Amino acid sequence: MPARKDSMMGAVARYSGMAFTVPASVVAGYFIGGWLDSRFGTHSLYVVGVVLGAAGGLAQVVRQLTQDSGDGGS
Protein backbone atom coordinates (compact mmCIF):
# COMPACT_ATOMS: atom_id res chain seq x y z
CA MET A 1 0.00 0.00 0.00
CA PRO A 2 2.79 2.58 0.58
CA ALA A 3 3.82 2.39 -3.10
CA ARG A 4 0.35 3.48 -4.19
CA LYS A 5 0.35 6.39 -1.74
CA ASP A 6 3.77 7.51 -2.98
CA SER A 7 2.68 7.34 -6.60
CA MET A 8 -0.52 9.21 -5.79
CA MET A 9 1.37 11.97 -3.98
CA GLY A 10 3.78 12.19 -6.92
CA ALA A 11 0.87 12.56 -9.31
CA VAL A 12 -0.70 15.25 -7.12
CA ALA A 13 2.56 17.16 -7.04
CA ARG A 14 3.07 16.82 -10.80
CA TYR A 15 -0.45 17.93 -11.73
CA SER A 16 -0.59 20.78 -9.21
CA GLY A 17 2.67 22.02 -10.70
CA MET A 18 1.04 21.96 -14.13
CA ALA A 19 -1.80 24.08 -12.76
CA PHE A 20 0.66 26.93 -12.23
CA THR A 21 2.46 26.54 -15.57
CA VAL A 22 0.03 28.48 -17.76
CA PRO A 23 -0.62 31.38 -15.35
CA ALA A 24 3.10 31.75 -14.64
CA SER A 25 3.85 31.76 -18.37
CA VAL A 26 1.18 34.41 -19.00
CA VAL A 27 2.51 36.62 -16.20
CA ALA A 28 6.08 36.23 -17.45
CA GLY A 29 4.96 37.10 -20.99
CA TYR A 30 3.13 40.16 -19.68
CA PHE A 31 6.17 41.48 -17.85
CA ILE A 32 8.57 40.72 -20.69
CA GLY A 33 6.21 42.39 -23.17
CA GLY A 34 5.83 45.38 -20.87
CA TRP A 35 9.58 45.68 -20.59
CA LEU A 36 9.91 45.53 -24.38
CA ASP A 37 7.17 48.17 -24.67
CA SER A 38 9.15 50.50 -22.43
CA ARG A 39 12.37 49.84 -24.36
CA PHE A 40 10.87 50.41 -27.82
CA GLY A 41 8.24 53.02 -26.94
CA THR A 42 5.34 50.85 -28.11
CA HIS A 43 2.09 50.01 -26.36
CA SER A 44 1.11 46.59 -27.65
CA LEU A 45 4.02 44.20 -27.17
CA TYR A 46 2.64 43.13 -23.79
CA VAL A 47 -0.29 41.56 -25.67
CA VAL A 48 2.13 39.60 -27.83
CA GLY A 49 3.96 38.51 -24.67
CA VAL A 50 0.73 37.33 -23.06
CA VAL A 51 -0.31 35.37 -26.14
CA LEU A 52 3.13 33.78 -26.53
CA GLY A 53 3.26 33.00 -22.81
CA ALA A 54 -0.15 31.34 -22.91
CA ALA A 55 0.76 29.32 -25.98
CA GLY A 56 4.05 28.23 -24.46
CA GLY A 57 2.42 27.30 -21.17
CA LEU A 58 -0.32 25.31 -22.87
CA ALA A 59 2.24 23.53 -25.05
CA GLN A 60 4.19 22.55 -21.95
CA VAL A 61 1.06 21.21 -20.23
CA VAL A 62 0.08 19.21 -23.32
CA ARG A 63 3.61 17.85 -23.61
CA GLN A 64 3.58 16.77 -19.96
CA LEU A 65 0.13 15.18 -20.24
CA THR A 66 1.03 13.20 -23.35
CA GLN A 67 4.23 12.04 -21.68
CA ASP A 68 2.27 10.97 -18.57
CA SER A 69 -0.35 9.14 -20.63
CA GLY A 70 2.41 7.15 -22.31
CA ASP A 71 3.86 6.18 -18.90
CA GLY A 72 0.51 5.03 -17.48
CA GLY A 73 0.24 1.94 -19.68
CA SER A 74 3.65 0.52 -18.74
PDB file of N, CA and C in Angstrom:
ATOM      1  N   MET A   1       0.799  -1.210   0.000  1.00  0.00           N
ATOM      2  CA  MET A   1       0.000   0.000   0.000  1.00  0.00           C
ATOM      3  C   MET A   1       0.843   1.276   0.000  1.00  0.00           C
ATOM      4  N   PRO A   2       2.011   1.342   0.612  1.00  0.00           N
ATOM      5  CA  PRO A   2       2.789   2.576   0.577  1.00  0.00           C
ATOM      6  C   PRO A   2       3.196   2.987  -0.829  1.00  0.00           C
ATOM      7  N   ALA A   3       3.427   2.025  -1.732  1.00  0.00           N
ATOM      8  CA  ALA A   3       3.821   2.386  -3.096  1.00  0.00           C
ATOM      9  C   ALA A   3       2.709   3.159  -3.791  1.00  0.00           C
ATOM     10  N   ARG A   4       1.464   2.773  -3.556  1.00  0.00           N
ATOM     11  CA  ARG A   4       0.355   3.483  -4.189  1.00  0.00           C
ATOM     12  C   ARG A   4       0.242   4.897  -3.636  1.00  0.00           C
ATOM     13  N   LYS A   5       0.435   5.067  -2.333  1.00  0.00           N
ATOM     14  CA  LYS A   5       0.349   6.395  -1.741  1.00  0.00           C
ATOM     15  C   LYS A   5       1.468   7.286  -2.288  1.00  0.00           C
ATOM     16  N   ASP A   6       2.665   6.724  -2.432  1.00  0.00           N
ATOM     17  CA  ASP A   6       3.767   7.507  -2.982  1.00  0.00           C
ATOM     18  C   ASP A   6       3.485   7.922  -4.418  1.00  0.00           C
ATOM     19  N   SER A   7       2.957   6.994  -5.218  1.00  0.00           N
ATOM     20  CA  SER A   7       2.680   7.339  -6.605  1.00  0.00           C
ATOM     21  C   SER A   7       1.533   8.348  -6.696  1.00  0.00           C
ATOM     22  N   MET A   8       0.579   8.255  -5.794  1.00  0.00           N
ATOM     23  CA  MET A   8      -0.522   9.212  -5.791  1.00  0.00           C
ATOM     24  C   MET A   8      -0.025  10.603  -5.395  1.00  0.00           C
ATOM     25  N   MET A   9       0.833  10.671  -4.396  1.00  0.00           N
ATOM     26  CA  MET A   9       1.372  11.967  -3.984  1.00  0.00           C
ATOM     27  C   MET A   9       2.255  12.558  -5.083  1.00  0.00           C
ATOM     28  N   GLY A  10       2.980  11.705  -5.791  1.00  0.00           N
ATOM     29  CA  GLY A  10       3.782  12.186  -6.919  1.00  0.00           C
ATOM     30  C   GLY A  10       2.913  12.752  -8.014  1.00  0.00           C
ATOM     31  N   ALA A  11       1.796  12.078  -8.287  1.00  0.00           N
ATOM     32  CA  ALA A  11       0.867  12.562  -9.311  1.00  0.00           C
ATOM     33  C   ALA A  11       0.236  13.884  -8.889  1.00  0.00           C
ATOM     34  N   VAL A  12      -0.121  13.998  -7.613  1.00  0.00           N
ATOM     35  CA  VAL A  12      -0.704  15.252  -7.118  1.00  0.00           C
ATOM     36  C   VAL A  12       0.299  16.389  -7.262  1.00  0.00           C
ATOM     37  N   ALA A  13       1.537  16.129  -6.916  1.00  0.00           N
ATOM     38  CA  ALA A  13       2.564  17.165  -7.042  1.00  0.00           C
ATOM     39  C   ALA A  13       2.786  17.549  -8.497  1.00  0.00           C
ATOM     40  N   ARG A  14       2.828  16.562  -9.379  1.00  0.00           N
ATOM     41  CA  ARG A  14       3.069  16.823 -10.801  1.00  0.00           C
ATOM     42  C   ARG A  14       1.927  17.638 -11.404  1.00  0.00           C
ATOM     43  N   TYR A  15       0.689  17.239 -11.124  1.00  0.00           N
ATOM     44  CA  TYR A  15      -0.452  17.933 -11.726  1.00  0.00           C
ATOM     45  C   TYR A  15      -0.706  19.289 -11.086  1.00  0.00           C
ATOM     46  N   SER A  16      -0.423  19.454  -9.809  1.00  0.00           N
ATOM     47  CA  SER A  16      -0.585  20.779  -9.211  1.00  0.00           C
ATOM     48  C   SER A  16       0.488  21.723  -9.743  1.00  0.00           C
ATOM     49  N   GLY A  17       1.651  21.193 -10.065  1.00  0.00           N
ATOM     50  CA  GLY A  17       2.668  22.019 -10.703  1.00  0.00           C
ATOM     51  C   GLY A  17       2.229  22.472 -12.077  1.00  0.00           C
ATOM     52  N   MET A  18       1.554  21.589 -12.804  1.00  0.00           N
ATOM     53  CA  MET A  18       1.042  21.959 -14.127  1.00  0.00           C
ATOM     54  C   MET A  18      -0.032  23.038 -14.024  1.00  0.00           C
ATOM     55  N   ALA A  19      -0.749  23.071 -12.924  1.00  0.00           N
ATOM     56  CA  ALA A  19      -1.799  24.076 -12.762  1.00  0.00           C
ATOM     57  C   ALA A  19      -1.223  25.486 -12.701  1.00  0.00           C
ATOM     58  N   PHE A  20       0.026  25.618 -12.310  1.00  0.00           N
ATOM     59  CA  PHE A  20       0.664  26.931 -12.231  1.00  0.00           C
ATOM     60  C   PHE A  20       1.471  27.269 -13.486  1.00  0.00           C
ATOM     61  N   THR A  21       1.626  26.325 -14.386  1.00  0.00           N
ATOM     62  CA  THR A  21       2.459  26.543 -15.569  1.00  0.00           C
ATOM     63  C   THR A  21       1.885  27.621 -16.476  1.00  0.00           C
ATOM     64  N   VAL A  22       0.622  27.512 -16.829  1.00  0.00           N
ATOM     65  CA  VAL A  22       0.033  28.480 -17.764  1.00  0.00           C
ATOM     66  C   VAL A  22      -0.055  29.877 -17.136  1.00  0.00           C
ATOM     67  N   PRO A  23      -0.581  30.025 -15.913  1.00  0.00           N
ATOM     68  CA  PRO A  23      -0.623  31.381 -15.348  1.00  0.00           C
ATOM     69  C   PRO A  23       0.765  32.004 -15.188  1.00  0.00           C
ATOM     70  N   ALA A  24       1.746  31.209 -14.789  1.00  0.00           N
ATOM     71  CA  ALA A  24       3.099  31.747 -14.645  1.00  0.00           C
ATOM     72  C   ALA A  24       3.664  32.170 -15.994  1.00  0.00           C
ATOM     73  N   SER A  25       3.377  31.413 -17.038  1.00  0.00           N
ATOM     74  CA  SER A  25       3.845  31.763 -18.372  1.00  0.00           C
ATOM     75  C   SER A  25       3.182  33.041 -18.870  1.00  0.00           C
ATOM     76  N   VAL A  26       1.898  33.199 -18.587  1.00  0.00           N
ATOM     77  CA  VAL A  26       1.184  34.406 -19.003  1.00  0.00           C
ATOM     78  C   VAL A  26       1.738  35.633 -18.275  1.00  0.00           C
ATOM     79  N   VAL A  27       1.967  35.498 -16.975  1.00  0.00           N
ATOM     80  CA  VAL A  27       2.514  36.621 -16.202  1.00  0.00           C
ATOM     81  C   VAL A  27       3.914  36.978 -16.691  1.00  0.00           C
ATOM     82  N   ALA A  28       4.733  35.961 -16.941  1.00  0.00           N
ATOM     83  CA  ALA A  28       6.081  36.231 -17.452  1.00  0.00           C
ATOM     84  C   ALA A  28       6.010  36.918 -18.815  1.00  0.00           C
ATOM     85  N   GLY A  29       5.128  36.461 -19.692  1.00  0.00           N
ATOM     86  CA  GLY A  29       4.962  37.100 -20.990  1.00  0.00           C
ATOM     87  C   GLY A  29       4.494  38.534 -20.868  1.00  0.00           C
ATOM     88  N   TYR A  30       3.613  38.796 -19.908  1.00  0.00           N
ATOM     89  CA  TYR A  30       3.130  40.157 -19.682  1.00  0.00           C
ATOM     90  C   TYR A  30       4.269  41.085 -19.274  1.00  0.00           C
ATOM     91  N   PHE A  31       5.081  40.633 -18.327  1.00  0.00           N
ATOM     92  CA  PHE A  31       6.174  41.484 -17.851  1.00  0.00           C
ATOM     93  C   PHE A  31       7.268  41.656 -18.902  1.00  0.00           C
ATOM     94  N   ILE A  32       7.573  40.601 -19.633  1.00  0.00           N
ATOM     95  CA  ILE A  32       8.575  40.724 -20.692  1.00  0.00           C
ATOM     96  C   ILE A  32       8.060  41.646 -21.792  1.00  0.00           C
ATOM     97  N   GLY A  33       6.791  41.498 -22.168  1.00  0.00           N
ATOM     98  CA  GLY A  33       6.206  42.393 -23.171  1.00  0.00           C
ATOM     99  C   GLY A  33       6.151  43.832 -22.690  1.00  0.00           C
ATOM    100  N   GLY A  34       5.833  44.023 -21.420  1.00  0.00           N
ATOM    101  CA  GLY A  34       5.832  45.380 -20.869  1.00  0.00           C
ATOM    102  C   GLY A  34       7.215  45.999 -20.867  1.00  0.00           C
ATOM    103  N   TRP A  35       8.211  45.184 -20.556  1.00  0.00           N
ATOM    104  CA  TRP A  35       9.585  45.680 -20.592  1.00  0.00           C
ATOM    105  C   TRP A  35       9.980  46.058 -22.023  1.00  0.00           C
ATOM    106  N   LEU A  36       9.611  45.212 -22.981  1.00  0.00           N
ATOM    107  CA  LEU A  36       9.906  45.527 -24.381  1.00  0.00           C
ATOM    108  C   LEU A  36       9.157  46.775 -24.833  1.00  0.00           C
ATOM    109  N   ASP A  37       7.914  46.947 -24.355  1.00  0.00           N
ATOM    110  CA  ASP A  37       7.169  48.171 -24.670  1.00  0.00           C
ATOM    111  C   ASP A  37       7.916  49.407 -24.172  1.00  0.00           C
ATOM    112  N   SER A  38       8.436  49.341 -22.969  1.00  0.00           N
ATOM    113  CA  SER A  38       9.147  50.499 -22.427  1.00  0.00           C
ATOM    114  C   SER A  38      10.458  50.743 -23.166  1.00  0.00           C
ATOM    115  N   ARG A  39      11.103  49.687 -23.634  1.00  0.00           N
ATOM    116  CA  ARG A  39      12.371  49.839 -24.360  1.00  0.00           C
ATOM    117  C   ARG A  39      12.157  50.435 -25.755  1.00  0.00           C
ATOM    118  N   PHE A  40      11.093  49.992 -26.437  1.00  0.00           N
ATOM    119  CA  PHE A  40      10.874  50.409 -27.820  1.00  0.00           C
ATOM    120  C   PHE A  40       9.838  51.522 -27.967  1.00  0.00           C
ATOM    121  N   GLY A  41       9.217  51.940 -26.882  1.00  0.00           N
ATOM    122  CA  GLY A  41       8.242  53.017 -26.944  1.00  0.00           C
ATOM    123  C   GLY A  41       6.924  52.614 -27.585  1.00  0.00           C
ATOM    124  N   THR A  42       6.600  51.330 -27.541  1.00  0.00           N
ATOM    125  CA  THR A  42       5.339  50.854 -28.109  1.00  0.00           C
ATOM    126  C   THR A  42       4.330  50.635 -26.980  1.00  0.00           C
ATOM    127  N   HIS A  43       3.121  50.238 -27.358  1.00  0.00           N
ATOM    128  CA  HIS A  43       2.087  50.014 -26.356  1.00  0.00           C
ATOM    129  C   HIS A  43       1.336  48.704 -26.573  1.00  0.00           C
ATOM    130  N   SER A  44       1.867  47.805 -27.375  1.00  0.00           N
ATOM    131  CA  SER A  44       1.113  46.588 -27.653  1.00  0.00           C
ATOM    132  C   SER A  44       1.935  45.302 -27.551  1.00  0.00           C
ATOM    133  N   LEU A  45       3.201  45.416 -27.253  1.00  0.00           N
ATOM    134  CA  LEU A  45       4.017  44.204 -27.174  1.00  0.00           C
ATOM    135  C   LEU A  45       3.657  43.340 -25.959  1.00  0.00           C
ATOM    136  N   TYR A  46       3.055  43.935 -24.938  1.00  0.00           N
ATOM    137  CA  TYR A  46       2.641  43.129 -23.795  1.00  0.00           C
ATOM    138  C   TYR A  46       1.572  42.123 -24.201  1.00  0.00           C
ATOM    139  N   VAL A  47       0.736  42.486 -25.181  1.00  0.00           N
ATOM    140  CA  VAL A  47      -0.287  41.559 -25.672  1.00  0.00           C
ATOM    141  C   VAL A  47       0.385  40.375 -26.369  1.00  0.00           C
ATOM    142  N   VAL A  48       1.387  40.660 -27.160  1.00  0.00           N
ATOM    143  CA  VAL A  48       2.130  39.600 -27.832  1.00  0.00           C
ATOM    144  C   VAL A  48       2.784  38.692 -26.790  1.00  0.00           C
ATOM    145  N   GLY A  49       3.341  39.293 -25.744  1.00  0.00           N
ATOM    146  CA  GLY A  49       3.956  38.505 -24.673  1.00  0.00           C
ATOM    147  C   GLY A  49       2.956  37.618 -23.957  1.00  0.00           C
ATOM    148  N   VAL A  50       1.770  38.127 -23.716  1.00  0.00           N
ATOM    149  CA  VAL A  50       0.733  37.327 -23.061  1.00  0.00           C
ATOM    150  C   VAL A  50       0.314  36.160 -23.941  1.00  0.00           C
ATOM    151  N   VAL A  51       0.114  36.427 -25.215  1.00  0.00           N
ATOM    152  CA  VAL A  51      -0.306  35.366 -26.142  1.00  0.00           C
ATOM    153  C   VAL A  51       0.788  34.302 -26.264  1.00  0.00           C
ATOM    154  N   LEU A  52       2.032  34.737 -26.431  1.00  0.00           N
ATOM    155  CA  LEU A  52       3.132  33.776 -26.531  1.00  0.00           C
ATOM    156  C   LEU A  52       3.328  33.005 -25.230  1.00  0.00           C
ATOM    157  N   GLY A  53       3.156  33.676 -24.098  1.00  0.00           N
ATOM    158  CA  GLY A  53       3.261  32.998 -22.811  1.00  0.00           C
ATOM    159  C   GLY A  53       2.170  31.958 -22.627  1.00  0.00           C
ATOM    160  N   ALA A  54       0.952  32.296 -23.014  1.00  0.00           N
ATOM    161  CA  ALA A  54      -0.154  31.340 -22.906  1.00  0.00           C
ATOM    162  C   ALA A  54       0.065  30.152 -23.824  1.00  0.00           C
ATOM    163  N   ALA A  55       0.514  30.416 -25.039  1.00  0.00           N
ATOM    164  CA  ALA A  55       0.765  29.321 -25.977  1.00  0.00           C
ATOM    165  C   ALA A  55       1.889  28.422 -25.492  1.00  0.00           C
ATOM    166  N   GLY A  56       2.940  29.020 -24.987  1.00  0.00           N
ATOM    167  CA  GLY A  56       4.049  28.228 -24.463  1.00  0.00           C
ATOM    168  C   GLY A  56       3.655  27.418 -23.240  1.00  0.00           C
ATOM    169  N   GLY A  57       2.882  28.021 -22.352  1.00  0.00           N
ATOM    170  CA  GLY A  57       2.420  27.302 -21.171  1.00  0.00           C
ATOM    171  C   GLY A  57       1.505  26.148 -21.522  1.00  0.00           C
ATOM    172  N   LEU A  58       0.584  26.376 -22.444  1.00  0.00           N
ATOM    173  CA  LEU A  58      -0.315  25.306 -22.867  1.00  0.00           C
ATOM    174  C   LEU A  58       0.445  24.187 -23.574  1.00  0.00           C
ATOM    175  N   ALA A  59       1.435  24.554 -24.371  1.00  0.00           N
ATOM    176  CA  ALA A  59       2.245  23.532 -25.049  1.00  0.00           C
ATOM    177  C   ALA A  59       2.985  22.675 -24.031  1.00  0.00           C
ATOM    178  N   GLN A  60       3.488  23.302 -22.982  1.00  0.00           N
ATOM    179  CA  GLN A  60       4.193  22.545 -21.946  1.00  0.00           C
ATOM    180  C   GLN A  60       3.244  21.605 -21.207  1.00  0.00           C
ATOM    181  N   VAL A  61       2.036  22.060 -20.911  1.00  0.00           N
ATOM    182  CA  VAL A  61       1.056  21.207 -20.232  1.00  0.00           C
ATOM    183  C   VAL A  61       0.666  20.029 -21.119  1.00  0.00           C
ATOM    184  N   VAL A  62       0.427  20.290 -22.395  1.00  0.00           N
ATOM    185  CA  VAL A  62       0.077  19.208 -23.316  1.00  0.00           C
ATOM    186  C   VAL A  62       1.226  18.217 -23.434  1.00  0.00           C
ATOM    187  N   ARG A  63       2.444  18.717 -23.518  1.00  0.00           N
ATOM    188  CA  ARG A  63       3.614  17.847 -23.611  1.00  0.00           C
ATOM    189  C   ARG A  63       3.717  16.957 -22.374  1.00  0.00           C
ATOM    190  N   GLN A  64       3.508  17.540 -21.200  1.00  0.00           N
ATOM    191  CA  GLN A  64       3.579  16.766 -19.961  1.00  0.00           C
ATOM    192  C   GLN A  64       2.449  15.735 -19.884  1.00  0.00           C
ATOM    193  N   LEU A  65       1.256  16.111 -20.286  1.00  0.00           N
ATOM    194  CA  LEU A  65       0.129  15.184 -20.239  1.00  0.00           C
ATOM    195  C   LEU A  65       0.303  14.028 -21.204  1.00  0.00           C
ATOM    196  N   THR A  66       0.809  14.298 -22.407  1.00  0.00           N
ATOM    197  CA  THR A  66       1.027  13.201 -23.348  1.00  0.00           C
ATOM    198  C   THR A  66       2.152  12.295 -22.875  1.00  0.00           C
ATOM    199  N   GLN A  67       3.149  12.865 -22.234  1.00  0.00           N
ATOM    200  CA  GLN A  67       4.229  12.044 -21.680  1.00  0.00           C
ATOM    201  C   GLN A  67       3.693  11.172 -20.539  1.00  0.00           C
ATOM    202  N   ASP A  68       2.840  11.731 -19.692  1.00  0.00           N
ATOM    203  CA  ASP A  68       2.273  10.975 -18.573  1.00  0.00           C
ATOM    204  C   ASP A  68       1.331   9.895 -19.068  1.00  0.00           C
ATOM    205  N   SER A  69       0.572  10.157 -20.126  1.00  0.00           N
ATOM    206  CA  SER A  69      -0.346   9.141 -20.631  1.00  0.00           C
ATOM    207  C   SER A  69       0.418   7.964 -21.239  1.00  0.00           C
ATOM    208  N   GLY A  70       1.580   8.228 -21.778  1.00  0.00           N
ATOM    209  CA  GLY A  70       2.408   7.149 -22.306  1.00  0.00           C
ATOM    210  C   GLY A  70       3.019   6.316 -21.203  1.00  0.00           C
ATOM    211  N   ASP A  71       3.288   6.902 -20.030  1.00  0.00           N
ATOM    212  CA  ASP A  71       3.863   6.179 -18.902  1.00  0.00           C
ATOM    213  C   ASP A  71       2.835   5.354 -18.167  1.00  0.00           C
ATOM    214  N   GLY A  72       1.558   5.711 -18.254  1.00  0.00           N
ATOM    215  CA  GLY A  72       0.514   5.033 -17.485  1.00  0.00           C
ATOM    216  C   GLY A  72       0.283   3.602 -17.917  1.00  0.00           C
ATOM    217  N   GLY A  73       0.493   3.281 -19.188  1.00  0.00           N
ATOM    218  CA  GLY A  73       0.240   1.936 -19.678  1.00  0.00           C
ATOM    219  C   GLY A  73       1.333   0.944 -19.337  1.00  0.00           C
ATOM    220  N   SER A  74       2.532   1.415 -18.992  1.00  0.00           N
ATOM    221  CA  SER A  74       3.651   0.518 -18.737  1.00  0.00           C
ATOM    222  C   SER A  74       3.683   0.038 -17.319  1.00  0.00           C
TER     223      SER A  74
END
